[in-house]
Amino acid sequence: LVHVDGSESGRRRVQFAVDLAMSVGARLSGIHVTPPAEVPPLYKPTRVAEVTAYLSAKLAQDSTAATVAFREEAVARLADACWFEAKGDVAKGISDRARYADLVIIGQDEWQGSPETHPLPIAHSV
């Protein structure tokens, strides 16, 4: 199982996972978990809806980029690659899917959200 986000490092994780799966004859699954939009407390209450919409749009773009990266890198090279999407807490979403995997590939420096609400990187939480 490889966790994919819309970043270039997410794409590199997929490339690494594909190479590893091909070398050992494994089946590869990918997952992207879209967290809820968390508005930092520095905005006026009148702007919360606007900022929420903006953050939600950015999260949707990230989800689309992750899907594209997995399809271009994994599905093109592995016929049995599986893609999963989830919404909610990123660490929980990865952990829920990880129970069906032998190996989980996660980026070292990925953060779920703001340091106030999620003080540890995703890898520490999973």
Protein backbone atom coordinates (compact mmCIF):
# COMPACT_ATOMS: atom_id res chain seq x y z
CA LEU A 1 0.00 0.00 0.00
CA VAL A 2 1.36 3.40 -0.95
CA HIS A 3 -0.04 6.67 0.34
CA VAL A 4 -0.26 9.16 -2.51
CA ASP A 5 -0.76 12.90 -2.30
CA GLY A 6 -0.74 15.37 -5.15
CA SER A 7 2.88 16.45 -4.67
CA GLU A 8 5.94 15.46 -6.66
CA SER A 9 7.13 13.40 -3.69
CA GLY A 10 3.81 11.53 -3.84
CA ARG A 11 4.55 10.65 -7.47
CA ARG A 12 8.07 9.50 -6.53
CA ARG A 13 6.59 7.27 -3.80
CA VAL A 14 4.37 5.63 -6.43
CA GLN A 15 7.35 5.11 -8.76
CA PHE A 16 9.31 3.51 -5.93
CA ALA A 17 6.34 1.32 -4.95
CA VAL A 18 5.81 0.19 -8.56
CA ASP A 19 9.49 -0.74 -8.94
CA LEU A 20 9.38 -2.65 -5.65
CA ALA A 21 6.15 -4.46 -6.54
CA MET A 22 7.49 -5.43 -9.95
CA SER A 23 10.75 -6.74 -8.49
CA VAL A 24 9.00 -9.08 -6.04
CA GLY A 25 5.82 -9.86 -7.98
CA ALA A 26 3.52 -8.09 -5.54
CA ARG A 27 0.18 -6.44 -6.10
CA LEU A 28 0.14 -2.70 -5.47
CA SER A 29 -2.62 -0.64 -3.90
CA GLY A 30 -2.63 3.12 -3.60
CA ILE A 31 -4.66 5.37 -1.34
CA HIS A 32 -5.39 9.05 -1.03
CA VAL A 33 -7.23 10.34 2.01
CA THR A 34 -8.77 13.80 1.77
CA PRO A 35 -8.83 15.45 5.21
CA PRO A 36 -11.56 17.87 6.21
CA ALA A 37 -10.82 21.52 5.48
CA GLU A 38 -9.55 23.06 8.71
CA VAL A 39 -9.71 26.84 8.83
CA PRO A 40 -6.93 28.30 10.98
CA PRO A 41 -8.19 30.52 13.82
CA LEU A 42 -6.61 33.64 12.33
CA TYR A 43 -9.58 34.47 10.07
CA LYS A 44 -12.54 36.66 10.95
CA PRO A 45 -15.77 34.72 11.44
CA THR A 46 -17.24 36.44 8.38
CA ARG A 47 -14.50 34.89 6.18
CA VAL A 48 -14.69 31.32 7.49
CA ALA A 49 -17.07 30.13 4.74
CA GLU A 50 -14.92 31.70 2.01
CA VAL A 51 -11.70 30.20 3.39
CA THR A 52 -13.37 26.81 3.85
CA ALA A 53 -14.44 26.82 0.19
CA TYR A 54 -10.92 27.78 -0.89
CA LEU A 55 -9.29 25.06 1.23
CA SER A 56 -11.83 22.48 0.02
CA ALA A 57 -10.98 23.35 -3.59
CA LYS A 58 -7.24 22.94 -2.87
CA LEU A 59 -7.90 19.56 -1.22
CA ALA A 60 -9.94 18.46 -4.25
CA GLN A 61 -7.09 19.47 -6.58
CA ASP A 62 -4.66 17.46 -4.46
CA SER A 63 -6.96 14.44 -4.65
CA THR A 64 -7.20 14.72 -8.43
CA ALA A 65 -3.42 15.08 -8.77
CA ALA A 66 -2.90 12.00 -6.59
CA THR A 67 -5.31 9.95 -8.70
CA VAL A 68 -3.59 11.05 -11.91
CA ALA A 69 -0.15 10.24 -10.51
CA PHE A 70 -1.21 6.74 -9.48
CA ARG A 71 -2.87 6.04 -12.82
CA GLU A 72 0.09 7.31 -14.83
CA GLU A 73 2.75 5.54 -12.78
CA ALA A 74 1.10 2.37 -11.43
CA VAL A 75 -1.89 1.42 -13.55
CA ALA A 76 0.14 1.91 -16.73
CA ARG A 77 2.80 -0.56 -15.52
CA LEU A 78 0.87 -2.97 -13.27
CA ALA A 79 -2.33 -4.51 -14.57
CA ASP A 80 -3.66 -5.41 -11.12
CA ALA A 81 -2.96 -2.10 -9.34
CA CYS A 82 -5.86 -0.94 -7.13
CA TRP A 83 -6.76 2.63 -6.20
CA PHE A 84 -8.65 3.69 -3.09
CA GLU A 85 -9.92 7.07 -1.95
CA ALA A 86 -11.22 8.04 1.45
CA LYS A 87 -12.24 11.15 3.35
CA GLY A 88 -11.55 12.06 6.94
CA ASP A 89 -8.56 11.67 9.22
CA VAL A 90 -5.55 10.82 7.04
CA ALA A 91 -3.77 8.58 9.55
CA LYS A 92 -6.96 6.65 10.30
CA GLY A 93 -7.78 6.26 6.61
CA ILE A 94 -4.34 4.87 5.86
CA SER A 95 -4.43 2.61 8.91
CA ASP A 96 -7.84 1.22 7.99
CA ARG A 97 -6.60 0.20 4.54
CA ALA A 98 -3.17 -0.90 5.83
CA ARG A 99 -4.66 -3.83 7.71
CA TYR A 100 -4.99 -5.56 4.31
CA ALA A 101 -1.39 -4.86 3.24
CA ASP A 102 1.97 -6.44 4.03
CA LEU A 103 3.91 -3.21 3.53
CA VAL A 104 2.90 0.46 3.76
CA ILE A 105 4.89 3.22 2.07
CA ILE A 106 4.37 6.69 3.58
CA GLY A 107 6.35 9.89 3.17
CA GLN A 108 8.51 10.94 6.11
CA ASP A 109 7.63 14.61 6.14
CA GLU A 110 3.93 14.61 5.30
CA TRP A 111 1.64 16.51 7.61
CA GLN A 112 -2.09 16.07 7.90
CA GLY A 113 -2.93 19.63 8.83
CA SER A 114 -1.97 22.47 11.09
CA PRO A 115 0.52 21.84 13.91
CA GLU A 116 -2.09 22.98 16.44
CA THR A 117 -4.49 20.15 15.62
CA HIS A 118 -2.05 17.55 14.23
CA PRO A 119 1.36 18.01 15.90
CA LEU A 120 2.97 14.86 14.45
CA PRO A 121 3.74 13.83 10.85
CA ILE A 122 1.43 11.24 9.31
CA ALA A 123 4.10 8.52 9.61
CA HIS A 124 4.21 8.97 13.39
CA SER A 125 0.44 8.70 13.65
CA VAL A 126 0.03 5.66 11.41
